[in-house]
């Protein structure tokens, strides 16, 4: 099966979009549905994030890659509602 991740347009090889949780841990969002990824990208654009690209990934491969490298991830299903965090424009 496939899932969808987000990357900054033009920087697809540099890594995927992730969100920092309250304790500073970065969490990769894996979207089950492309429509949900597209809606999230639109919300990011409203928050003045850089332009994002949605990439298809093999679900087994991306999960194994995350586990191998010790990356935290969460699977965003069609039942989940996720809202982008506000960003500090000085950091970007």
N, C-alpha and C. Protein backbone atom coordinates (compact mmCIF):
# COMPACT_ATOMS: atom_id res chain seq x y z
N UNK A 1 0.84 -1.19 0.00
CA UNK A 1 0.00 0.00 0.00
C UNK A 1 0.88 1.25 0.00
N UNK A 2 0.25 2.36 -0.32
CA UNK A 2 1.00 3.62 -0.32
C UNK A 2 0.48 4.54 0.76
N UNK A 3 1.37 5.43 1.18
CA UNK A 3 1.04 6.52 2.09
C UNK A 3 1.63 7.78 1.47
N UNK A 4 1.42 8.89 2.14
CA UNK A 4 1.87 10.17 1.60
C UNK A 4 2.60 10.94 2.68
N UNK A 5 3.75 11.50 2.29
CA UNK A 5 4.51 12.38 3.18
C UNK A 5 4.62 13.74 2.50
N UNK A 6 5.00 14.74 3.27
CA UNK A 6 5.18 16.08 2.75
C UNK A 6 6.65 16.45 2.79
N UNK A 7 7.09 17.16 1.76
CA UNK A 7 8.44 17.69 1.72
C UNK A 7 8.37 19.13 1.24
N UNK A 8 9.39 19.90 1.55
CA UNK A 8 9.46 21.26 1.02
C UNK A 8 9.80 21.14 -0.47
N UNK A 9 9.03 21.83 -1.30
CA UNK A 9 9.24 21.78 -2.74
C UNK A 9 10.66 22.22 -3.07
N UNK A 10 11.34 21.41 -3.89
CA UNK A 10 12.72 21.70 -4.27
C UNK A 10 13.74 21.10 -3.31
N UNK A 11 13.28 20.59 -2.18
CA UNK A 11 14.18 20.02 -1.18
C UNK A 11 13.74 18.60 -0.82
N UNK A 12 13.15 17.91 -1.79
CA UNK A 12 12.60 16.58 -1.54
C UNK A 12 13.64 15.59 -1.03
N UNK A 13 14.89 15.75 -1.45
CA UNK A 13 15.95 14.81 -1.04
C UNK A 13 16.48 15.13 0.35
N UNK A 14 16.12 16.28 0.90
CA UNK A 14 16.67 16.70 2.19
C UNK A 14 15.87 16.22 3.39
N UNK A 15 14.72 15.63 3.15
CA UNK A 15 13.93 15.11 4.26
C UNK A 15 12.48 15.48 4.15
N UNK A 16 11.70 14.89 5.03
CA UNK A 16 10.26 15.07 5.02
C UNK A 16 9.82 16.02 6.12
N UNK A 17 8.63 16.57 5.93
CA UNK A 17 8.01 17.45 6.93
C UNK A 17 7.70 16.65 8.19
N UNK A 18 8.02 17.24 9.32
CA UNK A 18 7.68 16.63 10.61
C UNK A 18 7.23 17.73 11.55
N UNK A 19 6.59 17.33 12.62
CA UNK A 19 6.08 18.27 13.62
C UNK A 19 6.78 17.98 14.94
N UNK A 20 7.11 19.04 15.66
CA UNK A 20 7.75 18.87 16.96
C UNK A 20 6.67 18.80 18.04
N UNK A 21 6.76 17.77 18.89
CA UNK A 21 5.77 17.66 19.97
C UNK A 21 6.20 18.51 21.17
N UNK A 22 5.41 18.45 22.23
CA UNK A 22 5.65 19.30 23.41
C UNK A 22 7.03 19.07 24.02
N UNK A 23 7.58 17.87 23.88
CA UNK A 23 8.87 17.57 24.49
C UNK A 23 10.04 17.74 23.51
N UNK A 24 9.76 18.31 22.33
CA UNK A 24 10.82 18.59 21.37
C UNK A 24 11.15 17.45 20.43
N UNK A 25 10.39 16.37 20.48
CA UNK A 25 10.61 15.23 19.60
C UNK A 25 9.92 15.50 18.26
N UNK A 26 10.65 15.25 17.16
CA UNK A 26 10.09 15.45 15.83
C UNK A 26 9.33 14.19 15.41
N UNK A 27 8.12 14.39 14.89
CA UNK A 27 7.25 13.29 14.50
C UNK A 27 6.88 13.44 13.02
N UNK A 28 7.17 12.41 12.24
CA UNK A 28 6.84 12.39 10.82
C UNK A 28 5.38 12.05 10.65
N UNK A 29 4.67 12.84 9.85
CA UNK A 29 3.27 12.55 9.54
C UNK A 29 3.21 11.67 8.30
N UNK A 30 2.55 10.52 8.43
CA UNK A 30 2.31 9.61 7.31
C UNK A 30 0.81 9.63 7.05
N UNK A 31 0.41 10.19 5.93
CA UNK A 31 -1.01 10.30 5.59
C UNK A 31 -1.45 9.06 4.82
N UNK A 32 -2.56 8.46 5.25
CA UNK A 32 -3.13 7.33 4.52
C UNK A 32 -3.83 7.78 3.24
N UNK A 33 -4.42 8.97 3.27
CA UNK A 33 -5.20 9.47 2.14
C UNK A 33 -4.55 10.72 1.54
N UNK A 34 -4.41 10.73 0.22
CA UNK A 34 -3.82 11.89 -0.45
C UNK A 34 -4.66 13.14 -0.23
N UNK A 35 -5.99 13.00 -0.19
CA UNK A 35 -6.87 14.15 0.04
C UNK A 35 -6.56 14.83 1.37
N UNK A 36 -6.29 14.03 2.40
CA UNK A 36 -5.97 14.59 3.71
C UNK A 36 -4.63 15.32 3.67
N UNK A 37 -3.67 14.76 2.95
CA UNK A 37 -2.37 15.42 2.79
C UNK A 37 -2.55 16.75 2.05
N UNK A 38 -3.40 16.76 1.02
CA UNK A 38 -3.65 17.99 0.27
C UNK A 38 -4.30 19.06 1.16
N UNK A 39 -5.25 18.66 1.98
CA UNK A 39 -5.89 19.63 2.89
C UNK A 39 -4.86 20.19 3.88
N UNK A 40 -3.98 19.33 4.38
CA UNK A 40 -2.96 19.78 5.32
C UNK A 40 -2.01 20.77 4.64
N UNK A 41 -1.64 20.48 3.39
CA UNK A 41 -0.77 21.40 2.64
C UNK A 41 -1.44 22.77 2.51
N UNK A 42 -2.74 22.79 2.23
CA UNK A 42 -3.46 24.07 2.13
C UNK A 42 -3.42 24.82 3.45
N UNK A 43 -3.55 24.10 4.57
CA UNK A 43 -3.46 24.75 5.88
C UNK A 43 -2.05 25.29 6.12
N UNK A 44 -1.04 24.54 5.69
CA UNK A 44 0.34 25.03 5.82
C UNK A 44 0.53 26.31 5.04
N UNK A 45 -0.01 26.36 3.82
CA UNK A 45 0.11 27.56 3.00
C UNK A 45 -0.54 28.76 3.68
N UNK A 46 -1.67 28.52 4.36
CA UNK A 46 -2.34 29.60 5.09
C UNK A 46 -1.49 30.12 6.23
N UNK A 47 -0.58 29.30 6.75
CA UNK A 47 0.31 29.68 7.85
C UNK A 47 1.66 30.18 7.34
N UNK A 48 1.76 30.39 6.02
CA UNK A 48 2.99 30.92 5.39
C UNK A 48 4.18 29.98 5.48
N UNK A 49 3.91 28.68 5.50
CA UNK A 49 5.00 27.72 5.39
C UNK A 49 5.55 27.76 3.96
N UNK A 50 6.75 27.24 3.73
CA UNK A 50 7.25 27.12 2.36
C UNK A 50 6.32 26.21 1.54
N UNK A 51 6.40 26.33 0.22
CA UNK A 51 5.59 25.47 -0.65
C UNK A 51 5.94 24.01 -0.42
N UNK A 52 4.92 23.17 -0.30
CA UNK A 52 5.13 21.76 0.00
C UNK A 52 4.74 20.88 -1.19
N UNK A 53 5.40 19.72 -1.26
CA UNK A 53 5.11 18.70 -2.27
C UNK A 53 4.65 17.45 -1.53
N UNK A 54 3.64 16.80 -2.08
CA UNK A 54 3.15 15.54 -1.53
C UNK A 54 3.83 14.41 -2.28
N UNK A 55 4.45 13.50 -1.54
CA UNK A 55 5.14 12.38 -2.16
C UNK A 55 4.50 11.06 -1.76
N UNK A 56 4.31 10.18 -2.73
CA UNK A 56 3.85 8.81 -2.45
C UNK A 56 5.01 8.00 -1.92
N UNK A 57 4.75 7.21 -0.88
CA UNK A 57 5.78 6.32 -0.34
C UNK A 57 5.14 4.97 -0.06
N UNK A 58 5.94 3.93 -0.13
CA UNK A 58 5.49 2.60 0.23
C UNK A 58 5.34 2.55 1.74
N UNK A 59 4.17 2.13 2.23
CA UNK A 59 3.93 2.18 3.67
C UNK A 59 4.90 1.31 4.46
N UNK A 60 5.14 0.09 4.00
CA UNK A 60 6.07 -0.79 4.73
C UNK A 60 7.48 -0.23 4.74
N UNK A 61 7.92 0.29 3.59
CA UNK A 61 9.28 0.82 3.48
C UNK A 61 9.48 2.04 4.37
N UNK A 62 8.52 2.97 4.37
CA UNK A 62 8.70 4.19 5.17
C UNK A 62 8.66 3.86 6.66
N UNK A 63 7.80 2.95 7.07
CA UNK A 63 7.73 2.58 8.50
C UNK A 63 9.01 1.86 8.92
N UNK A 64 9.51 0.95 8.09
CA UNK A 64 10.77 0.27 8.41
C UNK A 64 11.93 1.26 8.46
N UNK A 65 11.94 2.23 7.55
CA UNK A 65 12.99 3.25 7.54
C UNK A 65 12.95 4.07 8.82
N UNK A 66 11.76 4.49 9.22
CA UNK A 66 11.61 5.25 10.46
C UNK A 66 12.11 4.44 11.66
N UNK A 67 11.69 3.19 11.73
CA UNK A 67 12.09 2.35 12.86
C UNK A 67 13.59 2.09 12.86
N UNK A 68 14.17 1.89 11.69
CA UNK A 68 15.61 1.63 11.59
C UNK A 68 16.41 2.83 12.10
N UNK A 69 15.97 4.04 11.72
CA UNK A 69 16.70 5.25 12.10
C UNK A 69 16.24 5.84 13.43
N UNK A 70 15.23 5.21 14.05
CA UNK A 70 14.76 5.71 15.33
C UNK A 70 13.90 6.96 15.22
N UNK A 71 13.29 7.19 14.05
CA UNK A 71 12.42 8.34 13.86
C UNK A 71 11.03 8.03 14.40
N UNK A 72 10.44 8.99 15.06
CA UNK A 72 9.05 8.85 15.50
C UNK A 72 8.14 9.20 14.33
N UNK A 73 7.02 8.52 14.24
CA UNK A 73 6.06 8.80 13.17
C UNK A 73 4.66 8.55 13.71
N UNK A 74 3.70 9.12 13.02
CA UNK A 74 2.31 8.84 13.33
C UNK A 74 1.56 8.71 12.01
N UNK A 75 0.63 7.78 11.98
CA UNK A 75 -0.17 7.56 10.78
C UNK A 75 -1.44 8.38 10.91
N UNK A 76 -1.66 9.26 9.93
CA UNK A 76 -2.84 10.11 9.91
C UNK A 76 -3.89 9.41 9.06
N UNK A 77 -4.96 8.96 9.70
CA UNK A 77 -6.03 8.28 8.99
C UNK A 77 -7.10 9.30 8.58
N UNK A 78 -8.07 8.84 7.80
CA UNK A 78 -9.15 9.74 7.38
C UNK A 78 -10.01 10.19 8.56
N UNK A 79 -9.91 9.51 9.70
CA UNK A 79 -10.66 9.88 10.90
C UNK A 79 -9.94 10.93 11.74
N UNK A 80 -8.66 11.19 11.46
CA UNK A 80 -7.87 12.12 12.25
C UNK A 80 -8.00 13.55 11.73
N UNK A 81 -7.94 14.48 12.64
CA UNK A 81 -7.90 15.90 12.29
C UNK A 81 -6.58 16.45 12.81
N UNK A 82 -5.76 16.95 11.90
CA UNK A 82 -4.48 17.54 12.30
C UNK A 82 -4.43 18.98 11.80
N UNK A 83 -3.90 19.83 12.64
CA UNK A 83 -3.79 21.26 12.33
C UNK A 83 -2.32 21.63 12.48
N UNK A 84 -1.76 22.34 11.49
CA UNK A 84 -0.34 22.72 11.58
C UNK A 84 -0.08 23.62 12.77
N UNK A 85 1.08 23.45 13.38
CA UNK A 85 1.46 24.36 14.47
C UNK A 85 1.79 25.73 13.89
N UNK A 86 1.62 26.76 14.70
CA UNK A 86 2.06 28.10 14.29
C UNK A 86 3.57 28.07 14.20
N UNK A 87 4.11 28.84 13.28
CA UNK A 87 5.56 28.85 13.13
C UNK A 87 6.13 30.18 13.56
N UNK A 88 7.38 30.14 13.99
CA UNK A 88 8.14 31.33 14.30
C UNK A 88 8.90 31.69 13.03
N UNK A 89 8.52 32.78 12.39
CA UNK A 89 9.10 33.13 11.10
C UNK A 89 10.60 33.45 11.19
N UNK A 90 11.08 33.75 12.39
CA UNK A 90 12.51 34.06 12.53
C UNK A 90 13.37 32.80 12.37
N UNK A 91 12.79 31.64 12.60
CA UNK A 91 13.57 30.41 12.56
C UNK A 91 13.77 29.95 11.12
N UNK A 92 12.79 30.19 10.27
CA UNK A 92 12.84 29.66 8.89
C UNK A 92 13.73 30.50 8.01
